[in-house]
Protein backbone atom coordinates (compact mmCIF):
# COMPACT_ATOMS: atom_id res chain seq x y z
CA MET A 1 0.08 0.06 0.01
CA LYS A 2 1.22 3.48 -0.72
CA LEU A 3 0.96 6.33 1.42
CA ARG A 4 1.52 9.80 0.50
CA LEU A 5 1.39 12.96 2.45
CA GLU A 6 1.44 16.05 0.27
CA ASP A 7 2.36 19.33 2.24
CA VAL A 8 0.56 18.49 5.43
CA GLY A 9 0.03 20.80 7.98
CA VAL A 10 -1.80 20.77 11.15
CA LEU A 11 -2.57 23.58 13.49
CA ARG A 12 -3.59 23.03 16.99
CA LYS A 13 -4.52 26.55 19.30
CA HIS A 14 -2.35 28.91 16.56
CA ARG A 15 0.77 26.25 16.96
CA ALA A 16 1.95 24.16 14.10
CA LEU A 17 2.32 20.40 15.03
CA LEU A 18 3.17 19.78 11.40
CA GLU A 19 4.48 21.94 8.92
CA HIS A 20 4.67 21.54 5.07
CA VAL A 21 5.50 17.76 5.28
CA SER A 22 5.66 15.89 2.24
CA LEU A 23 6.86 12.18 1.95
CA THR A 24 6.10 9.03 -0.03
CA LEU A 25 6.14 5.53 1.05
CA GLU A 26 6.16 3.03 -1.89
CA PRO A 27 4.64 -0.43 -1.48
CA GLY A 28 6.77 -2.79 0.41
CA GLN A 29 9.02 0.09 2.15
CA LEU A 30 9.89 0.65 5.61
CA LEU A 31 10.44 4.48 7.16
CA ALA A 32 11.49 4.61 10.76
CA LEU A 33 10.50 8.16 12.04
CA VAL A 34 13.06 9.74 14.84
CA GLY A 35 12.81 12.88 16.97
CA PRO A 36 12.56 14.49 20.05
CA ASN A 37 9.42 14.70 22.18
CA GLY A 38 6.81 16.85 20.81
CA ALA A 39 8.40 16.93 17.57
CA GLY A 40 5.46 16.03 15.45
CA LYS A 41 5.99 12.02 14.68
CA THR A 42 2.55 10.57 16.81
CA THR A 43 0.61 13.71 14.90
CA LEU A 44 2.13 12.38 11.48
CA LEU A 45 0.86 9.02 12.02
CA ARG A 46 -2.37 10.50 12.94
CA ALA A 47 -2.56 12.73 9.72
CA ALA A 48 -1.84 9.58 7.75
CA LEU A 49 -4.80 7.79 9.45
CA GLY A 50 -7.17 10.61 8.85
CA LEU A 51 -7.81 11.17 12.60
CA THR A 52 -6.38 14.58 12.73
CA ARG A 53 -7.68 17.70 10.66
CA LEU A 54 -5.30 18.83 8.67
CA SER A 55 -4.91 22.91 8.01
CA HIS A 56 -3.42 22.15 4.75
CA GLY A 57 -2.43 19.63 2.24
CA SER A 58 -3.43 16.11 1.90
CA VAL A 59 -2.85 12.50 2.53
CA TRP A 60 -3.35 9.71 0.15
CA LEU A 61 -3.51 5.88 1.18
CA GLY A 62 -2.95 4.19 -2.35
CA ASP A 63 -5.36 6.22 -5.16
CA ALA A 64 -7.62 7.32 -2.17
CA ASN A 65 -7.58 10.73 -0.30
CA VAL A 66 -7.87 9.20 3.44
CA SER A 67 -10.50 11.75 4.10
CA ALA A 68 -13.29 10.29 1.72
CA LEU A 69 -13.03 6.67 2.97
CA THR A 70 -15.12 5.33 5.50
CA ALA A 71 -14.03 3.24 8.79
CA LYS A 72 -13.85 0.34 7.06
CA GLN A 73 -12.27 1.26 4.20
CA ARG A 74 -9.44 2.70 5.95
CA ALA A 75 -9.02 -0.31 8.19
CA ALA A 76 -8.74 -2.40 4.75
CA ARG A 77 -5.86 -0.20 3.81
CA VAL A 78 -3.95 0.61 7.42
CA ALA A 79 -3.57 -0.55 10.42
CA TRP A 80 -2.32 1.45 13.67
CA LEU A 81 -0.16 0.49 16.69
CA PRO A 82 -0.58 3.30 19.40
CA GLN A 83 1.76 4.16 22.00
CA HIS A 84 -1.02 3.57 24.54
CA SER A 85 -3.98 1.14 24.28
CA ASN A 86 -7.59 2.87 24.65
CA ALA A 87 -9.28 -0.44 24.64
CA ALA A 88 -11.71 -0.74 27.71
CA GLU A 89 -10.11 -2.70 30.34
CA GLU A 90 -13.36 -4.98 31.09
CA LEU A 91 -12.93 -6.75 27.66
CA SER A 92 -10.72 -9.78 27.08
CA ALA A 93 -7.42 -10.01 25.59
CA LEU A 94 -9.56 -12.28 22.88
CA ASP A 95 -12.15 -9.85 22.50
CA VAL A 96 -9.65 -6.72 21.85
CA VAL A 97 -8.05 -8.58 19.12
CA MET A 98 -11.34 -9.79 17.48
CA ALA A 99 -12.14 -6.10 17.59
CA ALA A 100 -9.64 -5.57 15.21
CA ARG A 101 -11.32 -7.81 12.50
CA PHE A 102 -13.98 -5.36 12.06
CA ARG A 103 -13.49 -4.84 8.63
CA PHE A 104 -14.14 -8.43 7.56
CA ASP A 105 -17.41 -9.58 6.54
CA GLU A 106 -17.13 -13.35 8.63
CA PRO A 107 -18.18 -15.58 10.98
CA SER A 108 -17.71 -14.87 14.62
CA ALA A 109 -15.55 -18.25 15.00
CA GLN A 110 -13.64 -16.89 11.97
CA SER A 111 -12.67 -13.69 13.89
CA GLU A 112 -11.92 -15.86 17.05
CA SER A 113 -9.68 -18.15 15.03
CA GLU A 114 -7.76 -15.18 13.56
CA ALA A 115 -7.76 -13.56 16.55
CA LYS A 116 -5.99 -16.70 18.55
CA LYS A 117 -3.37 -17.13 15.89
CA ALA A 118 -2.38 -13.40 16.23
CA LEU A 119 -2.15 -13.63 19.78
CA VAL A 120 -0.08 -17.04 19.47
CA ARG A 121 2.35 -15.27 17.13
CA VAL A 122 3.11 -12.41 19.51
CA GLY A 123 3.96 -15.03 22.31
CA VAL A 124 0.94 -14.29 24.47
CA GLY A 125 -1.57 -17.09 23.52
CA ASP A 126 -2.24 -17.72 26.97
CA VAL A 127 -3.67 -14.47 27.78
CA ALA A 128 -6.43 -14.88 25.62
CA PRO A 129 -9.25 -15.20 28.20
CA ARG A 130 -7.79 -12.64 30.63
CA ALA A 131 -9.53 -9.07 31.25
CA LEU A 132 -7.05 -6.59 29.88
CA ALA A 133 -6.95 -4.60 33.25
CA THR A 134 -5.24 -7.43 34.58
CA LEU A 135 -2.45 -7.63 32.19
CA SER A 136 1.25 -6.14 32.84
CA GLY A 137 2.27 -3.32 30.35
CA GLY A 138 4.10 -5.77 28.39
CA GLU A 139 1.32 -8.54 27.85
CA ARG A 140 -0.95 -5.56 26.86
CA GLN A 141 1.48 -4.00 24.42
CA ARG A 142 1.46 -7.96 22.79
CA VAL A 143 -2.27 -8.13 22.59
CA ALA A 144 -2.38 -4.63 20.69
CA LEU A 145 0.63 -5.57 18.50
CA ALA A 146 -1.70 -9.02 17.95
CA GLY A 147 -4.61 -6.71 16.74
CA LEU A 148 -2.23 -5.14 14.33
CA LEU A 149 -1.77 -8.43 13.13
CA ALA A 150 -5.41 -9.73 12.82
CA GLN A 151 -6.68 -6.69 11.20
CA ALA A 152 -4.26 -7.82 7.93
CA ALA A 153 -4.19 -4.32 6.64
CA PRO A 154 -1.16 -3.80 3.74
CA LEU A 155 0.22 -0.67 5.69
CA LEU A 156 1.13 -0.64 9.26
CA LEU A 157 1.83 2.54 11.41
CA VAL A 158 3.50 1.55 14.63
CA ASP A 159 4.24 4.03 17.25
CA GLU A 160 7.11 3.14 19.58
CA PRO A 161 6.42 -0.85 19.14
CA GLY A 162 8.85 -1.46 21.83
CA ASN A 163 6.84 0.48 24.69
CA HIS A 164 6.61 -1.21 28.41
CA LEU A 165 8.96 -4.47 26.83
CA ASP A 166 12.01 -5.84 28.30
CA PRO A 167 15.08 -5.69 25.86
CA ALA A 168 14.48 -9.37 24.60
CA GLN A 169 10.85 -8.66 23.94
CA GLN A 170 11.85 -5.11 22.05
CA VAL A 171 13.99 -7.25 19.85
CA ASP A 172 11.21 -9.83 19.21
CA VAL A 173 8.73 -7.50 18.31
CA TYR A 174 11.03 -5.51 15.80
CA ARG A 175 11.89 -8.83 14.54
CA LEU A 176 8.09 -9.55 13.96
CA LEU A 177 8.15 -6.47 12.04
CA GLY A 178 10.92 -6.89 10.10
CA GLU A 179 9.17 -10.29 9.16
CA LEU A 180 5.94 -8.47 7.98
CA TRP A 181 7.95 -6.10 6.02
CA GLN A 182 9.80 -8.78 4.54
CA GLN A 183 6.84 -10.29 3.54
CA GLY A 184 5.71 -7.25 1.73
CA SER A 185 4.00 -5.00 4.21
CA SER A 186 4.86 -1.31 4.17
CA VAL A 187 5.58 0.05 7.47
CA VAL A 188 6.17 3.47 9.13
CA CYS A 189 7.69 2.81 12.65
CA VAL A 190 8.28 5.75 15.17
CA THR A 191 11.11 4.98 17.53
CA HIS A 192 13.50 6.40 20.31
CA ASP A 193 16.18 3.95 19.71
CA VAL A 194 17.50 3.64 16.27
CA ASN A 195 19.72 1.07 17.55
CA LEU A 196 16.55 -1.47 17.53
CA LEU A 197 16.13 -1.08 13.85
CA ARG A 198 18.75 -3.46 12.75
CA HIS A 199 16.69 -6.24 14.20
CA LEU A 200 14.33 -5.70 11.30
CA GLY A 201 16.72 -7.30 8.71
CA ASN A 202 18.11 -5.68 5.72
CA PRO A 203 19.18 -2.54 7.38
CA GLY A 204 20.36 -1.10 4.16
CA GLU A 205 16.91 -0.88 2.64
CA VAL A 206 15.18 0.91 6.02
CA ARG A 207 14.65 4.57 5.60
CA VAL A 208 15.19 6.93 8.90
CA ALA A 209 13.47 10.40 8.51
CA GLY A 210 14.21 13.11 11.29
CA VAL A 211 11.46 14.94 12.58
CA ALA A 212 11.70 18.23 14.85
CA GLN A 213 9.16 21.07 15.47
CA GLY A 214 6.68 19.64 12.84
CA LYS A 215 9.11 19.51 10.17
CA LEU A 216 11.14 16.79 8.21
CA ARG A 217 14.54 17.55 8.75
CA PHE A 218 16.28 15.10 6.91
CA GLU A 219 15.94 11.42 5.56
CA CYS A 220 18.81 8.89 4.79
CA ARG A 221 19.55 5.02 5.16
CA PHE A 222 20.06 3.34 8.49
CA THR A 223 23.17 2.29 7.20
CA ALA A 224 24.34 5.84 5.68
CA PRO A 225 27.57 7.17 7.19
CA GLU A 226 25.96 10.57 7.76
CA LEU A 227 23.26 9.17 9.90
CA PRO A 228 25.24 9.87 13.37
CA ASP A 229 25.87 13.24 12.49
CA LYS A 230 22.10 13.99 11.83
CA LEU A 231 20.90 12.30 14.72
CA GLY A 232 23.31 14.48 16.73
CA GLU A 233 22.05 17.82 14.77
CA LEU A 234 18.34 16.55 15.61
CA PHE A 235 18.84 15.82 19.27
CA GLY A 236 21.65 18.44 20.16
CA MET A 237 24.03 15.86 21.01
CA THR A 238 27.16 14.17 20.03
CA MET A 239 26.59 10.27 18.29
CA HIS A 240 29.50 8.35 18.56
CA SER A 241 29.44 5.32 15.78
CA LEU A 242 30.93 1.99 17.60
CA MET A 243 31.01 -1.62 15.79
CA LEU A 244 30.12 -4.26 18.02
CA GLY A 245 29.53 -7.91 16.72
CA GLY A 246 29.67 -6.74 13.10
CA HIS A 247 27.06 -4.02 13.26
CA ARG A 248 27.01 -0.38 13.90
CA VAL A 249 25.74 0.79 17.29
CA LEU A 250 24.96 4.66 17.91
CA LEU A 251 25.82 5.90 21.22
CA PRO A 252 24.76 9.62 22.38
CA GLU A 253 26.96 11.93 24.60
CA ARG A 254 25.33 15.01 25.72
CA SER A 255 27.92 18.28 25.32
CA PRO A 256 28.84 19.97 28.69
């Protein structure tokens, strides 16, 4: 699924959250968005989903303007993993993931089967009958990820997918996203830890875009030699590049 933002702007209470943002994600590409807190990364995802009003510009999913799509039509094109789940806590994990199948005209038994498969794939098949309120933060994040899988949309927008997860679980999640990408999904991933991007696989094809003060500041490949300097400028610190185990690792150092 192709995603295209054309001169997108978002204004809230006379403050520009996004300014003149244009980018294109071709089918099967992966783009990582990085930047300081409040830079506009989540707003960019919400704009791509048609969940926030634009002050100017347009967003296209394939050949359709996102503003012209119904909820079901949009859900057939794009799935979203937010930073924090808003699902009702009295629902079971299985109910939450089944709800992600709402775009399909299918029997409930089919929705239940697909939801269970998704929960197993993200490693929490055993929590299916449990109420969301009884789950840990990490378990909730995996349930939300299972919903993303169950929706089976060709474009995935994920906002800090490693939230609430321990380091081993974070690696697992990024590897899963990498598998989905390698299988043909288009992915936009917001992250604060660029080092996790190497677990996606094929790092030379991962695009990294820097966002600050509502504007796109740069774009380059994850393996580009200039990435450490670009990130340093973006965050206002020195970024050191080290080779560990055959992989480049970026470490920040704030100037005194």
